[in-house]
All heavy atoms as atom14 arrays in JSON, in Angstrom:
{
  "sequence": "NRLCIVLRVSVAGGGSVQAIGNSLVVQSNSCVIAIGAQTTYRHKDPEL",
  "atom14_mask": [
    [1, 1, 1, 1, 1, 1, 1, 1, 0, 0, 0, 0, 0, 0],
    [1, 1, 1, 1, 1, 1, 1, 1, 1, 1, 1, 0, 0, 0],
    [1, 1, 1, 1, 1, 1, 1, 1, 0, 0, 0, 0, 0, 0],
    [1, 1, 1, 1, 1, 1, 0, 0, 0, 0, 0, 0, 0, 0],
    [1, 1, 1, 1, 1, 1, 1, 1, 0, 0, 0, 0, 0, 0],
    [1, 1, 1, 1, 1, 1, 1, 0, 0, 0, 0, 0, 0, 0],
    [1, 1, 1, 1, 1, 1, 1, 1, 0, 0, 0, 0, 0, 0],
    [1, 1, 1, 1, 1, 1, 1, 1, 1, 1, 1, 0, 0, 0],
    [1, 1, 1, 1, 1, 1, 1, 0, 0, 0, 0, 0, 0, 0],
    [1, 1, 1, 1, 1, 1, 0, 0, 0, 0, 0, 0, 0, 0],
    [1, 1, 1, 1, 1, 1, 1, 0, 0, 0, 0, 0, 0, 0],
    [1, 1, 1, 1, 1, 0, 0, 0, 0, 0, 0, 0, 0, 0],
    [1, 1, 1, 1, 0, 0, 0, 0, 0, 0, 0, 0, 0, 0],
    [1, 1, 1, 1, 0, 0, 0, 0, 0, 0, 0, 0, 0, 0],
    [1, 1, 1, 1, 0, 0, 0, 0, 0, 0, 0, 0, 0, 0],
    [1, 1, 1, 1, 1, 1, 0, 0, 0, 0, 0, 0, 0, 0],
    [1, 1, 1, 1, 1, 1, 1, 0, 0, 0, 0, 0, 0, 0],
    [1, 1, 1, 1, 1, 1, 1, 1, 1, 0, 0, 0, 0, 0],
    [1, 1, 1, 1, 1, 0, 0, 0, 0, 0, 0, 0, 0, 0],
    [1, 1, 1, 1, 1, 1, 1, 1, 0, 0, 0, 0, 0, 0],
    [1, 1, 1, 1, 0, 0, 0, 0, 0, 0, 0, 0, 0, 0],
    [1, 1, 1, 1, 1, 1, 1, 1, 0, 0, 0, 0, 0, 0],
    [1, 1, 1, 1, 1, 1, 0, 0, 0, 0, 0, 0, 0, 0],
    [1, 1, 1, 1, 1, 1, 1, 1, 0, 0, 0, 0, 0, 0],
    [1, 1, 1, 1, 1, 1, 1, 0, 0, 0, 0, 0, 0, 0],
    [1, 1, 1, 1, 1, 1, 1, 0, 0, 0, 0, 0, 0, 0],
    [1, 1, 1, 1, 1, 1, 1, 1, 1, 0, 0, 0, 0, 0],
    [1, 1, 1, 1, 1, 1, 0, 0, 0, 0, 0, 0, 0, 0],
    [1, 1, 1, 1, 1, 1, 1, 1, 0, 0, 0, 0, 0, 0],
    [1, 1, 1, 1, 1, 1, 0, 0, 0, 0, 0, 0, 0, 0],
    [1, 1, 1, 1, 1, 1, 0, 0, 0, 0, 0, 0, 0, 0],
    [1, 1, 1, 1, 1, 1, 1, 0, 0, 0, 0, 0, 0, 0],
    [1, 1, 1, 1, 1, 1, 1, 1, 0, 0, 0, 0, 0, 0],
    [1, 1, 1, 1, 1, 0, 0, 0, 0, 0, 0, 0, 0, 0],
    [1, 1, 1, 1, 1, 1, 1, 1, 0, 0, 0, 0, 0, 0],
    [1, 1, 1, 1, 0, 0, 0, 0, 0, 0, 0, 0, 0, 0],
    [1, 1, 1, 1, 1, 0, 0, 0, 0, 0, 0, 0, 0, 0],
    [1, 1, 1, 1, 1, 1, 1, 1, 1, 0, 0, 0, 0, 0],
    [1, 1, 1, 1, 1, 1, 1, 0, 0, 0, 0, 0, 0, 0],
    [1, 1, 1, 1, 1, 1, 1, 0, 0, 0, 0, 0, 0, 0],
    [1, 1, 1, 1, 1, 1, 1, 1, 1, 1, 1, 1, 0, 0],
    [1, 1, 1, 1, 1, 1, 1, 1, 1, 1, 1, 0, 0, 0],
    [1, 1, 1, 1, 1, 1, 1, 1, 1, 1, 0, 0, 0, 0],
    [1, 1, 1, 1, 1, 1, 1, 1, 1, 0, 0, 0, 0, 0],
    [1, 1, 1, 1, 1, 1, 1, 1, 0, 0, 0, 0, 0, 0],
    [1, 1, 1, 1, 1, 1, 1, 0, 0, 0, 0, 0, 0, 0],
    [1, 1, 1, 1, 1, 1, 1, 1, 1, 0, 0, 0, 0, 0],
    [1, 1, 1, 1, 1, 1, 1, 1, 0, 0, 0, 0, 0, 0]
  ],
  "atom14_positions": [
    [[4.62, -30.13, -7.55], [5.1, -28.88, -6.98], [4.69, -27.72, -7.89], [5.14, -27.63, -9.03], [6.63, -28.97, -6.88], [7.23, -27.88, -6.04], [6.57, -27.27, -5.21], [8.51, -27.62, -6.26], [0.0, 0.0, 0.0], [0.0, 0.0, 0.0], [0.0, 0.0, 0.0], [0.0, 0.0, 0.0], [0.0, 0.0, 0.0], [0.0, 0.0, 0.0]],
    [[3.8, -26.83, -7.44], [3.34, -25.7, -8.25], [4.26, -24.5, -8.05], [4.83, -24.31, -6.98], [1.91, -25.32, -7.86], [0.88, -26.37, -8.21], [-0.55, -25.91, -7.87], [-0.75, -25.82, -6.43], [-0.87, -24.68, -5.75], [-0.8, -23.51, -6.39], [-1.08, -24.68, -4.44], [0.0, 0.0, 0.0], [0.0, 0.0, 0.0], [0.0, 0.0, 0.0]],
    [[4.35, -23.68, -9.1], [5.18, -22.48, -9.03], [4.4, -21.26, -9.46], [3.4, -21.36, -10.18], [6.44, -22.64, -9.9], [6.28, -22.68, -11.43], [6.26, -21.28, -12.05], [7.41, -23.48, -12.05], [0.0, 0.0, 0.0], [0.0, 0.0, 0.0], [0.0, 0.0, 0.0], [0.0, 0.0, 0.0], [0.0, 0.0, 0.0], [0.0, 0.0, 0.0]],
    [[4.87, -20.12, -9.01], [4.3, -18.85, -9.44], [5.43, -17.82, -9.57], [6.27, -17.7, -8.69], [3.25, -18.33, -8.47], [2.54, -16.74, -8.95], [0.0, 0.0, 0.0], [0.0, 0.0, 0.0], [0.0, 0.0, 0.0], [0.0, 0.0, 0.0], [0.0, 0.0, 0.0], [0.0, 0.0, 0.0], [0.0, 0.0, 0.0], [0.0, 0.0, 0.0]],
    [[5.42, -17.09, -10.7], [6.32, -15.96, -10.91], [5.49, -14.69, -10.89], [4.44, -14.62, -11.54], [7.05, -16.04, -12.26], [7.73, -17.39, -12.45], [8.06, -14.91, -12.39], [8.33, -17.58, -13.84], [0.0, 0.0, 0.0], [0.0, 0.0, 0.0], [0.0, 0.0, 0.0], [0.0, 0.0, 0.0], [0.0, 0.0, 0.0], [0.0, 0.0, 0.0]],
    [[5.95, -13.71, -10.14], [5.31, -12.39, -10.13], [6.35, -11.37, -10.57], [7.41, -11.25, -9.94], [4.74, -12.03, -8.75], [4.2, -10.6, -8.75], [3.64, -13.01, -8.34], [0.0, 0.0, 0.0], [0.0, 0.0, 0.0], [0.0, 0.0, 0.0], [0.0, 0.0, 0.0], [0.0, 0.0, 0.0], [0.0, 0.0, 0.0], [0.0, 0.0, 0.0]],
    [[6.06, -10.65, -11.63], [6.92, -9.58, -12.12], [6.18, -8.26, -11.97], [5.01, -8.16, -12.35], [7.29, -9.83, -13.58], [8.19, -8.8, -14.29], [8.98, -9.49, -15.4], [7.41, -7.63, -14.88], [0.0, 0.0, 0.0], [0.0, 0.0, 0.0], [0.0, 0.0, 0.0], [0.0, 0.0, 0.0], [0.0, 0.0, 0.0], [0.0, 0.0, 0.0]],
    [[6.85, -7.28, -11.42], [6.24, -5.96, -11.26], [7.2, -4.88, -11.73], [8.42, -4.97, -11.48], [5.86, -5.71, -9.8], [5.25, -4.34, -9.54], [4.95, -4.11, -8.08], [4.87, -2.69, -7.76], [4.85, -2.19, -6.52], [4.91, -3.01, -5.48], [4.78, -0.89, -6.32], [0.0, 0.0, 0.0], [0.0, 0.0, 0.0], [0.0, 0.0, 0.0]],
    [[6.67, -3.87, -12.42], [7.46, -2.74, -12.92], [7.09, -1.49, -12.13], [5.9, -1.18, -11.96], [7.22, -2.5, -14.42], [8.06, -1.32, -14.9], [7.52, -3.75, -15.23], [0.0, 0.0, 0.0], [0.0, 0.0, 0.0], [0.0, 0.0, 0.0], [0.0, 0.0, 0.0], [0.0, 0.0, 0.0], [0.0, 0.0, 0.0], [0.0, 0.0, 0.0]],
    [[8.1, -0.8, -11.65], [7.9, 0.46, -10.95], [8.62, 1.56, -11.74], [9.83, 1.48, -11.95], [8.46, 0.38, -9.53], [8.38, 1.63, -8.88], [0.0, 0.0, 0.0], [0.0, 0.0, 0.0], [0.0, 0.0, 0.0], [0.0, 0.0, 0.0], [0.0, 0.0, 0.0], [0.0, 0.0, 0.0], [0.0, 0.0, 0.0], [0.0, 0.0, 0.0]],
    [[7.85, 2.57, -12.19], [8.44, 3.63, -13.01], [8.58, 4.91, -12.19], [7.85, 5.14, -11.23], [7.58, 3.92, -14.26], [7.53, 2.7, -15.16], [6.17, 4.34, -13.87], [0.0, 0.0, 0.0], [0.0, 0.0, 0.0], [0.0, 0.0, 0.0], [0.0, 0.0, 0.0], [0.0, 0.0, 0.0], [0.0, 0.0, 0.0], [0.0, 0.0, 0.0]],
    [[9.55, 5.72, -12.59], [9.8, 6.99, -11.91], [9.23, 8.14, -12.72], [9.03, 8.03, -13.94], [11.3, 7.18, -11.71], [0.0, 0.0, 0.0], [0.0, 0.0, 0.0], [0.0, 0.0, 0.0], [0.0, 0.0, 0.0], [0.0, 0.0, 0.0], [0.0, 0.0, 0.0], [0.0, 0.0, 0.0], [0.0, 0.0, 0.0], [0.0, 0.0, 0.0]],
    [[9.0, 9.26, -12.05], [8.57, 10.49, -12.72], [7.28, 10.31, -13.51], [6.28, 9.79, -13.03], [0.0, 0.0, 0.0], [0.0, 0.0, 0.0], [0.0, 0.0, 0.0], [0.0, 0.0, 0.0], [0.0, 0.0, 0.0], [0.0, 0.0, 0.0], [0.0, 0.0, 0.0], [0.0, 0.0, 0.0], [0.0, 0.0, 0.0], [0.0, 0.0, 0.0]],
    [[7.31, 10.73, -14.76], [6.11, 10.68, -15.58], [5.97, 9.42, -16.4], [5.25, 9.42, -17.41], [0.0, 0.0, 0.0], [0.0, 0.0, 0.0], [0.0, 0.0, 0.0], [0.0, 0.0, 0.0], [0.0, 0.0, 0.0], [0.0, 0.0, 0.0], [0.0, 0.0, 0.0], [0.0, 0.0, 0.0], [0.0, 0.0, 0.0], [0.0, 0.0, 0.0]],
    [[6.65, 8.35, -16.02], [6.57, 7.11, -16.77], [5.21, 6.44, -16.64], [4.39, 6.8, -15.8], [0.0, 0.0, 0.0], [0.0, 0.0, 0.0], [0.0, 0.0, 0.0], [0.0, 0.0, 0.0], [0.0, 0.0, 0.0], [0.0, 0.0, 0.0], [0.0, 0.0, 0.0], [0.0, 0.0, 0.0], [0.0, 0.0, 0.0], [0.0, 0.0, 0.0]],
    [[4.98, 5.44, -17.48], [3.71, 4.73, -17.46], [3.94, 3.26, -17.75], [4.91, 2.86, -18.39], [2.76, 5.31, -18.51], [3.26, 5.1, -19.82], [0.0, 0.0, 0.0], [0.0, 0.0, 0.0], [0.0, 0.0, 0.0], [0.0, 0.0, 0.0], [0.0, 0.0, 0.0], [0.0, 0.0, 0.0], [0.0, 0.0, 0.0], [0.0, 0.0, 0.0]],
    [[3.0, 2.44, -17.27], [2.99, 1.0, -17.53], [1.58, 0.62, -17.94], [0.61, 0.94, -17.24], [3.41, 0.18, -16.29], [3.41, -1.31, -16.61], [4.77, 0.62, -15.77], [0.0, 0.0, 0.0], [0.0, 0.0, 0.0], [0.0, 0.0, 0.0], [0.0, 0.0, 0.0], [0.0, 0.0, 0.0], [0.0, 0.0, 0.0], [0.0, 0.0, 0.0]],
    [[1.43, -0.08, -19.08], [0.13, -0.48, -19.58], [0.14, -1.98, -19.85], [1.05, -2.5, -20.49], [-0.22, 0.29, -20.86], [-1.62, 0.02, -21.39], [-1.92, 0.81, -22.64], [-1.01, 1.43, -23.21], [-3.17, 0.8, -23.07], [0.0, 0.0, 0.0], [0.0, 0.0, 0.0], [0.0, 0.0, 0.0], [0.0, 0.0, 0.0], [0.0, 0.0, 0.0]],
    [[-0.88, -2.68, -19.37], [-1.01, -4.12, -19.62], [-1.75, -4.33, -20.93], [-2.89, -3.88, -21.1], [-1.77, -4.79, -18.48], [0.0, 0.0, 0.0], [0.0, 0.0, 0.0], [0.0, 0.0, 0.0], [0.0, 0.0, 0.0], [0.0, 0.0, 0.0], [0.0, 0.0, 0.0], [0.0, 0.0, 0.0], [0.0, 0.0, 0.0], [0.0, 0.0, 0.0]],
    [[-1.1, -5.02, -21.87], [-1.7, -5.32, -23.18], [-1.35, -6.76, -23.53], [-0.18, -7.13, -23.63], [-1.18, -4.38, -24.29], [-1.45, -2.92, -23.95], [-1.79, -4.74, -25.63], [-0.9, -1.95, -24.98], [0.0, 0.0, 0.0], [0.0, 0.0, 0.0], [0.0, 0.0, 0.0], [0.0, 0.0, 0.0], [0.0, 0.0, 0.0], [0.0, 0.0, 0.0]],
    [[-2.39, -7.58, -23.72], [-2.18, -8.95, -24.18], [-1.24, -9.76, -23.32], [-0.36, -10.46, -23.83], [0.0, 0.0, 0.0], [0.0, 0.0, 0.0], [0.0, 0.0, 0.0], [0.0, 0.0, 0.0], [0.0, 0.0, 0.0], [0.0, 0.0, 0.0], [0.0, 0.0, 0.0], [0.0, 0.0, 0.0], [0.0, 0.0, 0.0], [0.0, 0.0, 0.0]],
    [[-1.4, -9.7, -22.02], [-0.58, -10.43, -21.05], [0.89, -10.03, -21.08], [1.76, -10.78, -20.63], [-0.71, -11.95, -21.25], [-2.09, -12.44, -20.89], [-2.75, -11.87, -20.01], [-2.56, -13.47, -21.57], [0.0, 0.0, 0.0], [0.0, 0.0, 0.0], [0.0, 0.0, 0.0], [0.0, 0.0, 0.0], [0.0, 0.0, 0.0], [0.0, 0.0, 0.0]],
    [[1.16, -8.84, -21.62], [2.48, -8.23, -21.56], [2.34, -6.85, -20.96], [1.23, -6.33, -20.79], [3.1, -8.13, -22.95], [3.22, -9.4, -23.54], [0.0, 0.0, 0.0], [0.0, 0.0, 0.0], [0.0, 0.0, 0.0], [0.0, 0.0, 0.0], [0.0, 0.0, 0.0], [0.0, 0.0, 0.0], [0.0, 0.0, 0.0], [0.0, 0.0, 0.0]],
    [[3.46, -6.22, -20.63], [3.47, -4.86, -20.12], [4.22, -3.97, -21.09], [5.32, -4.31, -21.54], [4.14, -4.79, -18.74], [3.49, -5.59, -17.61], [4.32, -5.44, -16.33], [2.05, -5.14, -17.36], [0.0, 0.0, 0.0], [0.0, 0.0, 0.0], [0.0, 0.0, 0.0], [0.0, 0.0, 0.0], [0.0, 0.0, 0.0], [0.0, 0.0, 0.0]],
    [[3.63, -2.83, -21.42], [4.28, -1.83, -22.25], [4.71, -0.69, -21.33], [3.88, -0.06, -20.67], [3.35, -1.31, -23.36], [4.05, -0.23, -24.18], [2.89, -2.46, -24.25], [0.0, 0.0, 0.0], [0.0, 0.0, 0.0], [0.0, 0.0, 0.0], [0.0, 0.0, 0.0], [0.0, 0.0, 0.0], [0.0, 0.0, 0.0], [0.0, 0.0, 0.0]],
    [[6.0, -0.44, -21.31], [6.57, 0.53, -20.37], [7.06, 1.74, -21.14], [7.73, 1.61, -22.18], [7.73, -0.09, -19.58], [8.3, 0.91, -18.58], [7.29, -1.37, -18.87], [0.0, 0.0, 0.0], [0.0, 0.0, 0.0], [0.0, 0.0, 0.0], [0.0, 0.0, 0.0], [0.0, 0.0, 0.0], [0.0, 0.0, 0.0], [0.0, 0.0, 0.0]],
    [[6.73, 2.93, -20.64], [7.23, 4.2, -21.2], [7.92, 4.93, -20.05], [7.28, 5.35, -19.08], [6.06, 5.03, -21.74], [6.46, 6.36, -22.36], [6.97, 6.22, -23.79], [6.65, 5.25, -24.45], [7.78, 7.16, -24.24], [0.0, 0.0, 0.0], [0.0, 0.0, 0.0], [0.0, 0.0, 0.0], [0.0, 0.0, 0.0], [0.0, 0.0, 0.0]],
    [[9.27, 5.06, -20.15], [9.99, 5.64, -19.01], [11.45, 5.88, -19.38], [11.97, 5.28, -20.31], [9.91, 4.69, -17.81], [10.67, 5.16, -16.73], [0.0, 0.0, 0.0], [0.0, 0.0, 0.0], [0.0, 0.0, 0.0], [0.0, 0.0, 0.0], [0.0, 0.0, 0.0], [0.0, 0.0, 0.0], [0.0, 0.0, 0.0], [0.0, 0.0, 0.0]],
    [[12.09, 6.75, -18.61], [13.55, 6.87, -18.72], [14.24, 6.31, -17.47], [15.46, 6.34, -17.36], [13.97, 8.31, -18.95], [13.71, 9.18, -17.74], [12.96, 8.81, -16.84], [14.32, 10.36, -17.71], [0.0, 0.0, 0.0], [0.0, 0.0, 0.0], [0.0, 0.0, 0.0], [0.0, 0.0, 0.0], [0.0, 0.0, 0.0], [0.0, 0.0, 0.0]],
    [[13.43, 5.8, -16.53], [13.99, 5.18, -15.33], [12.93, 4.3, -14.69], [11.87, 4.79, -14.29], [14.46, 6.24, -14.33], [14.98, 5.63, -13.16], [0.0, 0.0, 0.0], [0.0, 0.0, 0.0], [0.0, 0.0, 0.0], [0.0, 0.0, 0.0], [0.0, 0.0, 0.0], [0.0, 0.0, 0.0], [0.0, 0.0, 0.0], [0.0, 0.0, 0.0]],
    [[13.2, 3.01, -14.62], [12.24, 2.1, -13.99], [12.99, 0.94, -13.36], [14.16, 0.67, -13.68], [11.21, 1.59, -15.0], [11.88, 0.47, -16.24], [0.0, 0.0, 0.0], [0.0, 0.0, 0.0], [0.0, 0.0, 0.0], [0.0, 0.0, 0.0], [0.0, 0.0, 0.0], [0.0, 0.0, 0.0], [0.0, 0.0, 0.0], [0.0, 0.0, 0.0]],
    [[12.3, 0.27, -12.46], [12.85, -0.91, -11.79], [11.9, -2.08, -12.01], [10.68, -1.94, -11.82], [13.06, -0.67, -10.28], [13.54, -1.95, -9.6], [14.06, 0.46, -10.06], [0.0, 0.0, 0.0], [0.0, 0.0, 0.0], [0.0, 0.0, 0.0], [0.0, 0.0, 0.0], [0.0, 0.0, 0.0], [0.0, 0.0, 0.0], [0.0, 0.0, 0.0]],
    [[12.46, -3.21, -12.41], [11.68, -4.44, -12.56], [12.09, -5.4, -11.45], [13.27, -5.68, -11.26], [11.93, -5.1, -13.93], [11.5, -4.16, -15.06], [11.22, -6.44, -14.04], [11.84, -4.69, -16.45], [0.0, 0.0, 0.0], [0.0, 0.0, 0.0], [0.0, 0.0, 0.0], [0.0, 0.0, 0.0], [0.0, 0.0, 0.0], [0.0, 0.0, 0.0]],
    [[11.11, -5.9, -10.72], [11.35, -6.89, -9.67], [10.67, -8.19, -10.08], [9.51, -8.19, -10.5], [10.81, -6.41, -8.33], [0.0, 0.0, 0.0], [0.0, 0.0, 0.0], [0.0, 0.0, 0.0], [0.0, 0.0, 0.0], [0.0, 0.0, 0.0], [0.0, 0.0, 0.0], [0.0, 0.0, 0.0], [0.0, 0.0, 0.0], [0.0, 0.0, 0.0]],
    [[11.4, -9.29, -9.95], [10.85, -10.62, -10.26], [10.96, -11.47, -9.01], [12.06, -11.68, -8.48], [11.61, -11.28, -11.43], [11.53, -10.42, -12.69], [11.05, -12.68, -11.7], [12.37, -10.95, -13.84], [0.0, 0.0, 0.0], [0.0, 0.0, 0.0], [0.0, 0.0, 0.0], [0.0, 0.0, 0.0], [0.0, 0.0, 0.0], [0.0, 0.0, 0.0]],
    [[9.81, -11.95, -8.56], [9.75, -12.86, -7.43], [9.18, -14.19, -7.88], [8.39, -14.24, -8.83], [0.0, 0.0, 0.0], [0.0, 0.0, 0.0], [0.0, 0.0, 0.0], [0.0, 0.0, 0.0], [0.0, 0.0, 0.0], [0.0, 0.0, 0.0], [0.0, 0.0, 0.0], [0.0, 0.0, 0.0], [0.0, 0.0, 0.0], [0.0, 0.0, 0.0]],
    [[9.57, -15.25, -7.22], [9.04, -16.58, -7.56], [9.08, -17.47, -6.33], [10.04, -17.42, -5.55], [9.85, -17.2, -8.7], [0.0, 0.0, 0.0], [0.0, 0.0, 0.0], [0.0, 0.0, 0.0], [0.0, 0.0, 0.0], [0.0, 0.0, 0.0], [0.0, 0.0, 0.0], [0.0, 0.0, 0.0], [0.0, 0.0, 0.0], [0.0, 0.0, 0.0]],
    [[8.04, -18.26, -6.17], [7.98, -19.22, -5.08], [7.27, -20.47, -5.58], [6.6, -20.45, -6.62], [7.23, -18.64, -3.87], [7.89, -17.46, -3.2], [9.12, -17.83, -2.4], [9.45, -19.01, -2.24], [9.82, -16.82, -1.87], [0.0, 0.0, 0.0], [0.0, 0.0, 0.0], [0.0, 0.0, 0.0], [0.0, 0.0, 0.0], [0.0, 0.0, 0.0]],
    [[7.41, -21.56, -4.84], [6.73, -22.8, -5.17], [6.06, -23.36, -3.92], [6.31, -22.9, -2.8], [7.71, -23.87, -5.71], [8.49, -24.39, -4.63], [8.64, -23.26, -6.77], [0.0, 0.0, 0.0], [0.0, 0.0, 0.0], [0.0, 0.0, 0.0], [0.0, 0.0, 0.0], [0.0, 0.0, 0.0], [0.0, 0.0, 0.0], [0.0, 0.0, 0.0]],
    [[5.24, -24.38, -4.12], [4.58, -25.02, -2.98], [5.56, -25.86, -2.16], [5.18, -26.38, -1.11], [3.41, -25.89, -3.45], [3.84, -26.74, -4.53], [2.25, -25.04, -3.93], [0.0, 0.0, 0.0], [0.0, 0.0, 0.0], [0.0, 0.0, 0.0], [0.0, 0.0, 0.0], [0.0, 0.0, 0.0], [0.0, 0.0, 0.0], [0.0, 0.0, 0.0]],
    [[6.78, -26.0, -2.59], [7.79, -26.65, -1.78], [8.02, -25.88, -0.48], [8.28, -26.48, 0.57], [9.1, -26.76, -2.57], [10.24, -27.4, -1.81], [10.31, -28.78, -1.69], [11.25, -26.63, -1.22], [11.34, -29.38, -0.99], [12.28, -27.22, -0.53], [12.33, -28.59, -0.41], [13.36, -29.18, 0.28], [0.0, 0.0, 0.0], [0.0, 0.0, 0.0]],
    [[7.89, -24.55, -0.56], [8.11, -23.72, 0.62], [6.85, -23.01, 1.11], [6.76, -22.66, 2.29], [9.19, -22.66, 0.33], [10.59, -23.22, 0.13], [11.63, -22.11, 0.02], [12.98, -22.64, -0.04], [13.62, -22.92, -1.18], [13.03, -22.68, -2.34], [14.84, -23.42, -1.15], [0.0, 0.0, 0.0], [0.0, 0.0, 0.0], [0.0, 0.0, 0.0]],
    [[5.9, -22.75, 0.22], [4.74, -21.94, 0.61], [3.45, -22.56, 0.06], [3.39, -22.94, -1.11], [4.88, -20.51, 0.07], [6.05, -19.75, 0.64], [6.01, -19.16, 1.87], [7.29, -19.52, 0.14], [7.18, -18.57, 2.11], [7.96, -18.78, 1.07], [0.0, 0.0, 0.0], [0.0, 0.0, 0.0], [0.0, 0.0, 0.0], [0.0, 0.0, 0.0]],
    [[2.46, -22.62, 0.9], [1.16, -23.16, 0.48], [0.56, -22.32, -0.63], [-0.07, -22.84, -1.55], [0.21, -23.2, 1.69], [-1.13, -23.84, 1.39], [-1.98, -23.92, 2.65], [-3.32, -24.57, 2.37], [-4.17, -24.67, 3.59], [0.0, 0.0, 0.0], [0.0, 0.0, 0.0], [0.0, 0.0, 0.0], [0.0, 0.0, 0.0], [0.0, 0.0, 0.0]],
    [[0.75, -20.99, -0.55], [0.24, -20.08, -1.57], [1.43, -19.36, -2.21], [1.84, -18.29, -1.76], [-0.72, -19.06, -0.95], [-1.41, -18.18, -1.98], [-0.91, -18.1, -3.12], [-2.44, -17.56, -1.63], [0.0, 0.0, 0.0], [0.0, 0.0, 0.0], [0.0, 0.0, 0.0], [0.0, 0.0, 0.0], [0.0, 0.0, 0.0], [0.0, 0.0, 0.0]],
    [[2.03, -19.94, -3.27], [3.24, -19.34, -3.84], [3.0, -17.97, -4.46], [3.91, -17.14, -4.47], [3.69, -20.37, -4.89], [2.5, -21.19, -5.19], [1.68, -21.21, -3.93], [0.0, 0.0, 0.0], [0.0, 0.0, 0.0], [0.0, 0.0, 0.0], [0.0, 0.0, 0.0], [0.0, 0.0, 0.0], [0.0, 0.0, 0.0], [0.0, 0.0, 0.0]],
    [[1.79, -17.7, -4.98], [1.53, -16.38, -5.56], [1.58, -15.31, -4.48], [2.18, -14.24, -4.67], [0.19, -16.34, -6.28], [-0.09, -14.96, -6.86], [-1.41, -14.85, -7.6], [-2.04, -15.89, -7.83], [-1.8, -13.71, -7.94], [0.0, 0.0, 0.0], [0.0, 0.0, 0.0], [0.0, 0.0, 0.0], [0.0, 0.0, 0.0], [0.0, 0.0, 0.0]],
    [[0.94, -15.59, -3.36], [0.94, -14.62, -2.27], [2.37, -14.36, -1.8], [2.76, -13.2, -1.59], [0.09, -15.14, -1.11], [0.07, -14.26, 0.15], [-0.52, -12.89, -0.14], [-0.71, -14.97, 1.28], [0.0, 0.0, 0.0], [0.0, 0.0, 0.0], [0.0, 0.0, 0.0], [0.0, 0.0, 0.0], [0.0, 0.0, 0.0], [0.0, 0.0, 0.0]]
  ]
}
């Protein structure tokens, strides 16, 4: 059973998000982080 986690950061106003070394560097005073995850138990393409 394969799994995939997708994390996305959404910043408000003049904030920024930069990908460095498989991490995210966030500069903001207001942001939202969403974490989704699926496996092949339910979906053929869990990343999608």
